[in-house]
Each structure stands twice: as C-alpha cells, then as structure tokens.
Amino acid sequence: MKVFLTGAAGFIGANLLGRLASRGDEVVGFDNINDYYDVRLKYGRLHENGIEGPYVDGEVKYSNKWPSVRFVKGDLCDKAALDKLFAEEGFDVVVNLAAQAGVRYSITNPYAYLHSNLEGFLNILEACRNHPVKHLVFASSSSVYGLNTKVPFSEDDKADSQVSLYGATKKSNELMAHSYSKLYGIPATGLRFFTVYGPWGRPDMSPMLFATAISKGEPIKVFNGGDMIRDFTYVDDIVEGTMRVIDNPPAGTDDAVPFEVYNIGCSNPVKLMDFISEIETALGKEAKKVFLPMQAGDVYQTYADCTKLETRLGYHPSTTLHEGISRFVEWFKSWRQT
C-alpha cells in the first residue's frame, strides 16, 4: 500500500510513519517543517526514521532506515506542487495530520489556522478528488466538543459550540470532508484525537512544559486552580488506533456516505494535579506551582467515549499513565542532554 502522510515530522506523524514502514508500506512523508515550535524536535523525529537534512522545498529525501520511505518538504497550500505529487505517485491512502496546532496560539495568530487548516485541507480534498484514493484519514480533535458538558464525549453529541478558532477549523475539516465524500464518493475518516503525550511530544503541551520547568526549578502555570481533567492518551495507543482506521475505510452503500468520525483517546480521564504528580515522581523533584484562572479557549475537561472505535475495530488503549509518563520522562532526560 502506498501512503501519503502529511505532518510526517510531527509528533503523531513521525510515530505513525515508523509503524507504516515497519510493516512494509510504501510511505511518502510530507511536512513544511515550520518554526511554530523548536524545529530540532522535528529534525530529531525525522532522524529517528532515517531521514536526514538539509531539507529543501520539493527535494526528495530517502530514508536510510526504511527502504520504502521517502520524504518531501513542502506546503499543503502549494496546490500545483501537491497536484503534481499526486499525479506522479498514485497514492492508495492519504493520512492528513498536517495542521497548525495549538489552542492558545489560535487566539493570537488566527490567520495561520485559516492558511494551513482550511486552505491546505481543501487542497488535500481536491487532490483526492482529482486523483482518487481508497481512503482519506484526517486529524480532527477533541476541541470540536467545545462547551459540551455531557461526558464522556460521544461522536453522536452535538459539536457546534467550539471555544477556539483551532477547534472551529477542525470541525470545519469534518464538514468539508463529509461534503467531498458525498459529492465524489471519497471514503474519508476523521479522528478526534484526545490529549496525546509521550516521547518526542510537542514542547507547547503540558508534559513538556511541566517537565522542562520542574527540571530547571522554574514555576509551572496551573490553570483553573488545578481543577481540570484531561483524557491523556499515550502516543503508541494513538498510533495503534490510527493504523486500525487506515485499514478499514468506511463503505458507501446505497445512499450512505462513505464517511466516518471516531473518538480516539484513553477513556480514562485524569485530574491535572494527578498528572503533575506523576511527572514530579518520575523526575524526583517537586514542582513550584503558580495557580492561575482558566485561559481563554480552554475547556474544563475532556473525556473520550471510544466505544465505537473499540467495538468496530478492536481498539483498546493499554498504556497506563504511570507507564506513559515514565517512558516520556526517560526520553526527556536524554533529550535535554543533547
């Protein structure tokens, strides 16, 4: 199977690339390697998959670890380049994980989200229409649930009260993909990822922020007085669920649209203070905490109902918070020394 994987230098994307390659899939990775956060992490993730720089727009880099993997640096908003790549490669599956991430960043830099998450995604949809694929899998987010107070969050719940532009763009992606599935018969699946953590994680997310500050003896910001709940999900479990989805495109029969959305989380929400405590224990150091009000764009809790993914595709996350944090901190210590 030939897979086009966008966001290949990203946290989930780099892990997924390795899983696809390890089972023999041909993978063309794609990423613009922007500087939203420290690009050394992106270079490091690519290095883990045998892809070495320097990276030049449009230039193909071959992995020295996976014979079936190559990487192209590029921007999804370059429609001509994207169309050319699709025409030349004839992809079977597209996995679109590329996006401008971050809830709080969307408040101060809204146009970055329109550019990447809407224009870029439209170009992906158009490429899939003009060069038909067997399955389009794309990243959505738990942020689509917004102000929903009913927990756990189910795919059947209304999701029309987003509290950040980031969440609104992710909901827009679902609507856009559904319309293309209906109009052009493109099998498409959206994955509503819940808070993902693990080695090589993003530095703008709480595990890295907390671990970095605690290690340096600096205070950590604890929002809403610490009264928050998150469905933290270890990256290996996320990748396992995504692999199952990739191999099971939705069927369009009779009047049914070949479109599906799945929650993909741990279904075991954790109090923020307990999460911080696990990091403190793993680092062997207590955090200096600064308690602050809830931030704009944040929600009190996330809690995934993954029943649909479990019953249909056998998804069962298996990494406990203690195991996951231990692995993360072990990697973090080695990363800080580089």
Foldseek 3Di string as FASTA:
>chain_A
DEEEEEPCLADLNLVLVVVCLVVPYQYEYEYQLDPPDDSVLSQVSVVVQQWHDDADAQDKTARPRRNRYIYHYDALLPLVSLLVVCVVPLGQEYEAEDADDDFVVCVVVVVRRCRRLPSSLVSVLVSCLVRPHQEYEYEAALQQQAPDPDPDDDPPDDRDHGQGSNNVSSVVSQVVVQVSLQPRVHQYEYEHEWAEDFASHDCVDDLNQLLVQQVVQHADEQEQQQQAKGQYAYSVLVSVLVVLDRVDTADADDNRRRYYYFYRTQQPIDRRVVLSVLLCVLVVTHHHYDYYYHDRRDDRYHGHDRVVSCVPRNRHGDADSNNRSNRRVVNVVVVVVD
